C-alpha atoms as a PDB file:
ATOM      1  CA  MET A   1      23.998   6.019 -23.953  1.00  0.00           C
ATOM      2  CA  SER A   2      22.029   4.177 -21.295  1.00  0.00           C
ATOM      3  CA  THR A   3      19.747   1.243 -21.932  1.00  0.00           C
ATOM      4  CA  PRO A   4      16.046   1.994 -21.450  1.00  0.00           C
ATOM      5  CA  THR A   5      14.478   0.506 -18.329  1.00  0.00           C
ATOM      6  CA  PRO A   6      12.291  -2.478 -19.214  1.00  0.00           C
ATOM      7  CA  SER A   7       8.619  -1.782 -18.732  1.00  0.00           C
ATOM      8  CA  GLN A   8       6.854  -3.269 -15.727  1.00  0.00           C
ATOM      9  CA  ARG A   9       5.411  -6.624 -16.773  1.00  0.00           C
ATOM     10  CA  ILE A  10       2.878  -7.081 -13.981  1.00  0.00           C
ATOM     11  CA  THR A  11       0.550  -4.280 -12.896  1.00  0.00           C
ATOM     12  CA  PRO A  12      -1.737  -4.515  -9.861  1.00  0.00           C
ATOM     13  CA  PHE A  13      -5.331  -3.913 -10.992  1.00  0.00           C
ATOM     14  CA  LEU A  14      -7.532  -2.626  -8.160  1.00  0.00           C
ATOM     15  CA  TRP A  15     -11.339  -2.854  -8.195  1.00  0.00           C
ATOM     16  CA  PHE A  16     -13.142   0.029  -6.462  1.00  0.00           C
ATOM     17  CA  ASP A  17     -16.824   0.623  -5.762  1.00  0.00           C
ATOM     18  CA  MET A  18     -17.159   3.721  -7.965  1.00  0.00           C
ATOM     19  CA  ASN A  19     -14.602   5.742  -5.941  1.00  0.00           C
ATOM     20  CA  ALA A  20     -11.463   4.999  -7.963  1.00  0.00           C
ATOM     21  CA  GLU A  21     -10.810   8.707  -8.627  1.00  0.00           C
ATOM     22  CA  GLU A  22     -10.922   9.496  -4.911  1.00  0.00           C
ATOM     23  CA  ALA A  23      -8.671   6.527  -4.106  1.00  0.00           C
ATOM     24  CA  VAL A  24      -6.107   7.424  -6.778  1.00  0.00           C
ATOM     25  CA  ALA A  25      -5.999  11.043  -5.560  1.00  0.00           C
ATOM     26  CA  PHE A  26      -5.494   9.767  -1.989  1.00  0.00           C
ATOM     27  CA  TYR A  27      -2.683   7.347  -2.885  1.00  0.00           C
ATOM     28  CA  THR A  28      -0.821   9.758  -5.165  1.00  0.00           C
ATOM     29  CA  SER A  29      -0.909  12.388  -2.408  1.00  0.00           C
ATOM     30  CA  ILE A  30       0.907  10.006  -0.033  1.00  0.00           C
ATOM     31  CA  PHE A  31       3.757   8.569  -2.086  1.00  0.00           C
ATOM     32  CA  LYS A  32       6.625  10.515  -3.629  1.00  0.00           C
ATOM     33  CA  ASP A  33       7.316   9.944  -7.327  1.00  0.00           C
ATOM     34  CA  SER A  34       3.616   9.371  -7.997  1.00  0.00           C
ATOM     35  CA  ARG A  35       1.356  10.503 -10.799  1.00  0.00           C
ATOM     36  CA  VAL A  36      -1.990   9.945 -12.447  1.00  0.00           C
ATOM     37  CA  GLY A  37      -1.885   8.579 -15.983  1.00  0.00           C
ATOM     38  CA  ALA A  38      -4.463   7.723 -18.618  1.00  0.00           C
ATOM     39  CA  VAL A  39      -8.159   7.774 -17.747  1.00  0.00           C
ATOM     40  CA  SER A  40     -10.776   5.817 -19.705  1.00  0.00           C
ATOM     41  CA  ARG A  41     -14.504   6.432 -19.420  1.00  0.00           C
ATOM     42  CA  TYR A  42     -17.603   4.305 -19.788  1.00  0.00           C
ATOM     43  CA  GLY A  43     -19.519   4.765 -23.035  1.00  0.00           C
ATOM     44  CA  GLU A  44     -23.117   4.278 -24.118  1.00  0.00           C
ATOM     45  CA  GLY A  45     -24.810   1.126 -22.861  1.00  0.00           C
ATOM     46  CA  ALA A  46     -22.700   0.781 -19.727  1.00  0.00           C
ATOM     47  CA  PRO A  47     -24.374   0.082 -16.384  1.00  0.00           C
ATOM     48  CA  VAL A  48     -23.306   3.567 -15.245  1.00  0.00           C
ATOM     49  CA  PRO A  49     -23.796   7.006 -16.834  1.00  0.00           C
ATOM     50  CA  LYS A  50     -21.835   7.646 -20.022  1.00  0.00           C
ATOM     51  CA  GLY A  51     -18.617   9.523 -19.250  1.00  0.00           C
ATOM     52  CA  THR A  52     -18.156   7.989 -15.775  1.00  0.00           C
ATOM     53  CA  VAL A  53     -14.531   7.055 -15.141  1.00  0.00           C
ATOM     54  CA  MET A  54     -13.948   3.369 -15.894  1.00  0.00           C
ATOM     55  CA  THR A  55     -10.167   3.002 -15.322  1.00  0.00           C
ATOM     56  CA  ILE A  56      -7.319   5.198 -14.146  1.00  0.00           C
ATOM     57  CA  ALA A  57      -3.656   4.347 -14.623  1.00  0.00           C
ATOM     58  CA  PHE A  58      -1.399   5.670 -11.867  1.00  0.00           C
ATOM     59  CA  GLU A  59       2.049   5.285 -10.354  1.00  0.00           C
ATOM     60  CA  LEU A  60       3.081   5.166  -6.716  1.00  0.00           C
ATOM     61  CA  ALA A  61       6.819   5.531  -6.066  1.00  0.00           C
ATOM     62  CA  GLY A  62       7.404   4.535  -9.691  1.00  0.00           C
ATOM     63  CA  GLN A  63       5.227   1.364  -9.446  1.00  0.00           C
ATOM     64  CA  GLN A  64       2.399   1.209 -11.991  1.00  0.00           C
ATOM     65  CA  PHE A  65      -1.179   0.442 -10.911  1.00  0.00           C
ATOM     66  CA  MET A  66      -4.600   0.452 -12.533  1.00  0.00           C
ATOM     67  CA  ALA A  67      -7.840   1.381 -10.748  1.00  0.00           C
ATOM     68  CA  LEU A  68     -11.288   0.316 -11.958  1.00  0.00           C
ATOM     69  CA  ASN A  69     -14.671   1.739 -11.015  1.00  0.00           C
ATOM     70  CA  GLY A  70     -16.289  -1.689 -11.036  1.00  0.00           C
ATOM     71  CA  GLY A  71     -19.122  -1.295  -8.556  1.00  0.00           C
ATOM     72  CA  PRO A  72     -19.947  -3.064  -5.293  1.00  0.00           C
ATOM     73  CA  HIS A  73     -19.482  -6.652  -6.524  1.00  0.00           C
ATOM     74  CA  PHE A  74     -15.985  -7.308  -5.109  1.00  0.00           C
ATOM     75  CA  LYS A  75     -14.170  -6.119  -1.981  1.00  0.00           C
ATOM     76  CA  PHE A  76     -10.519  -6.073  -0.956  1.00  0.00           C
ATOM     77  CA  THR A  77      -9.354  -8.670   1.578  1.00  0.00           C
ATOM     78  CA  GLU A  78      -6.166  -9.176   3.556  1.00  0.00           C
ATOM     79  CA  ALA A  79      -5.315 -11.985   1.120  1.00  0.00           C
ATOM     80  CA  VAL A  80      -3.582  -9.262  -0.917  1.00  0.00           C
ATOM     81  CA  SER A  81      -1.590  -6.429   0.632  1.00  0.00           C
ATOM     82  CA  PHE A  82       1.101  -3.970  -0.364  1.00  0.00           C
ATOM     83  CA  VAL A  83       4.325  -3.767   1.663  1.00  0.00           C
ATOM     84  CA  ILE A  84       5.982  -0.390   2.212  1.00  0.00           C
ATOM     85  CA  LYS A  85       9.641  -0.728   3.215  1.00  0.00           C
ATOM     86  CA  CYS A  86      10.683   2.234   5.353  1.00  0.00           C
ATOM     87  CA  ASP A  87      14.182   3.471   6.231  1.00  0.00           C
ATOM     88  CA  SER A  88      13.270   5.199   9.507  1.00  0.00           C
ATOM     89  CA  GLN A  89      10.701   5.346  12.284  1.00  0.00           C
ATOM     90  CA  ALA A  90       9.642   8.762  11.005  1.00  0.00           C
ATOM     91  CA  GLU A  91       8.850   7.217   7.621  1.00  0.00           C
ATOM     92  CA  ILE A  92       6.888   4.375   9.244  1.00  0.00           C
ATOM     93  CA  ASP A  93       4.944   6.920  11.308  1.00  0.00           C
ATOM     94  CA  GLU A  94       4.215   9.103   8.267  1.00  0.00           C
ATOM     95  CA  TYR A  95       2.860   6.298   6.063  1.00  0.00           C
ATOM     96  CA  TRP A  96       0.970   4.771   8.985  1.00  0.00           C
ATOM     97  CA  ASP A  97      -0.700   8.055   9.899  1.00  0.00           C
ATOM     98  CA  LYS A  98      -1.627   8.937   6.326  1.00  0.00           C
ATOM     99  CA  LEU A  99      -2.961   5.500   5.392  1.00  0.00           C
ATOM    100  CA  THR A 100      -5.059   5.153   8.565  1.00  0.00           C
ATOM    101  CA  ALA A 101      -6.462   8.695   8.319  1.00  0.00           C
ATOM    102  CA  ASN A 102     -10.167   9.288   7.689  1.00  0.00           C
ATOM    103  CA  GLY A 103     -11.421   5.797   8.359  1.00  0.00           C
ATOM    104  CA  GLY A 104      -8.378   3.569   7.956  1.00  0.00           C
ATOM    105  CA  LYS A 105      -7.962   0.820  10.552  1.00  0.00           C
ATOM    106  CA  PRO A 106      -4.745  -0.262  12.288  1.00  0.00           C
ATOM    107  CA  GLN A 107      -4.271  -4.011  12.518  1.00  0.00           C
ATOM    108  CA  GLN A 108      -1.756  -6.295  14.202  1.00  0.00           C
ATOM    109  CA  CYS A 109       1.908  -6.729  13.216  1.00  0.00           C
ATOM    110  CA  ALA A 110       2.405  -3.740  10.860  1.00  0.00           C
ATOM    111  CA  TRP A 111      -0.818  -4.311   8.912  1.00  0.00           C
ATOM    112  CA  LEU A 112      -3.492  -1.716   8.318  1.00  0.00           C
ATOM    113  CA  LYS A 113      -6.488  -1.186   6.087  1.00  0.00           C
ATOM    114  CA  ASP A 114      -6.909   2.198   4.468  1.00  0.00           C
ATOM    115  CA  ARG A 115     -10.311   3.862   4.181  1.00  0.00           C
ATOM    116  CA  PHE A 116     -10.954   2.041   0.881  1.00  0.00           C
ATOM    117  CA  GLY A 117     -10.361  -1.356   2.501  1.00  0.00           C
ATOM    118  CA  LEU A 118      -6.985  -1.989   0.845  1.00  0.00           C
ATOM    119  CA  SER A 119      -4.440  -3.722   3.107  1.00  0.00           C
ATOM    120  CA  TRP A 120      -0.909  -2.408   3.613  1.00  0.00           C
ATOM    121  CA  GLN A 121       2.089  -3.526   5.649  1.00  0.00           C
ATOM    122  CA  VAL A 122       4.346  -0.700   6.863  1.00  0.00           C
ATOM    123  CA  VAL A 123       7.691  -2.242   7.849  1.00  0.00           C
ATOM    124  CA  PRO A 124      11.340  -1.342   8.377  1.00  0.00           C
ATOM    125  CA  ALA A 125      13.387  -1.979   5.236  1.00  0.00           C
ATOM    126  CA  ASN A 126      15.773  -4.167   7.269  1.00  0.00           C
ATOM    127  CA  LEU A 127      13.073  -6.338   8.898  1.00  0.00           C
ATOM    128  CA  GLY A 128      14.205  -9.443   6.997  1.00  0.00           C
ATOM    129  CA  GLU A 129      17.770  -8.995   8.240  1.00  0.00           C
ATOM    130  CA  LEU A 130      16.598  -8.521  11.825  1.00  0.00           C
ATOM    131  CA  MET A 131      14.507 -11.703  11.568  1.00  0.00           C
ATOM    132  CA  LYS A 132      17.397 -13.777  10.126  1.00  0.00           C
ATOM    133  CA  GLY A 133      19.821 -12.950  12.926  1.00  0.00           C
ATOM    134  CA  PRO A 134      20.576 -15.176  15.907  1.00  0.00           C
ATOM    135  CA  ASN A 135      17.763 -13.508  17.870  1.00  0.00           C
ATOM    136  CA  GLY A 136      15.196 -13.763  15.084  1.00  0.00           C
ATOM    137  CA  GLY A 137      12.769 -15.485  17.448  1.00  0.00           C
ATOM    138  CA  ARG A 138      12.980 -12.539  19.844  1.00  0.00           C
ATOM    139  CA  VAL A 139      12.359 -10.158  16.971  1.00  0.00           C
ATOM    140  CA  MET A 140       9.285 -12.156  15.952  1.00  0.00           C
ATOM    141  CA  GLN A 141       7.993 -12.163  19.537  1.00  0.00           C
ATOM    142  CA  ALA A 142       8.472  -8.381  19.762  1.00  0.00           C
ATOM    143  CA  LEU A 143       6.756  -7.878  16.399  1.00  0.00           C
ATOM    144  CA  LEU A 144       3.762  -9.998  17.462  1.00  0.00           C
ATOM    145  CA  GLN A 145       3.173  -7.616  20.386  1.00  0.00           C
ATOM    146  CA  MET A 146       3.003  -4.546  18.125  1.00  0.00           C
ATOM    147  CA  VAL A 147       0.406  -2.899  15.926  1.00  0.00           C
ATOM    148  CA  LYS A 148       2.514  -0.142  14.298  1.00  0.00           C
ATOM    149  CA  LEU A 149       6.120  -1.348  14.300  1.00  0.00           C
ATOM    150  CA  ASP A 150       8.741   0.271  16.521  1.00  0.00           C
ATOM    151  CA  ILE A 151      12.198  -0.002  14.939  1.00  0.00           C
ATOM    152  CA  ALA A 152      14.046   0.656  18.228  1.00  0.00           C
ATOM    153  CA  LYS A 153      12.229  -2.202  19.979  1.00  0.00           C
ATOM    154  CA  LEU A 154      12.835  -4.558  17.045  1.00  0.00           C
ATOM    155  CA  LYS A 155      16.552  -3.673  17.023  1.00  0.00           C
ATOM    156  CA  ALA A 156      16.737  -4.190  20.785  1.00  0.00           C
ATOM    157  CA  ALA A 157      15.165  -7.637  20.369  1.00  0.00           C
ATOM    158  CA  ALA A 158      17.657  -8.433  17.598  1.00  0.00           C
ATOM    159  CA  GLU A 159      20.491  -7.464  19.978  1.00  0.00           C
ATOM    160  CA  GLY A 160      19.109  -9.824  22.614  1.00  0.00           C
ATOM    161  CA  HIS A 161      17.543  -7.213  24.925  1.00  0.00           C
END
């Protein structure tokens, strides 16, 4: 008999400007092993109509999140981002294209903002290893020249080319 997996102790809680349902549908359509969980709704006396979605629990690739329809008071900044570790260039391209679709914005060095303003970093899973090698400085220089990362160019830099 296997031991149950311990529950996740820390859950990212994301504040949206009344478009949490749209955001959750968008994110769960992108990541495998994703699902929408419990939904809570505002009741009487709330600053929004009764029955409006307040929070939505969801999972992306097995990671638990919570979305809140909190209104326009707070915005996402690059001070917080989510890193997606990818095993291939095709995977980098897929996540990059989906997350920048419909108003997302590419940024420098593997960063992007999706259409909701949330920041993501789409990187090769072995980026840390490439950076630690004897040509780590070359890898960093190559990375600084990129927007979406190119695994072949990073590997070439790591090999001293």
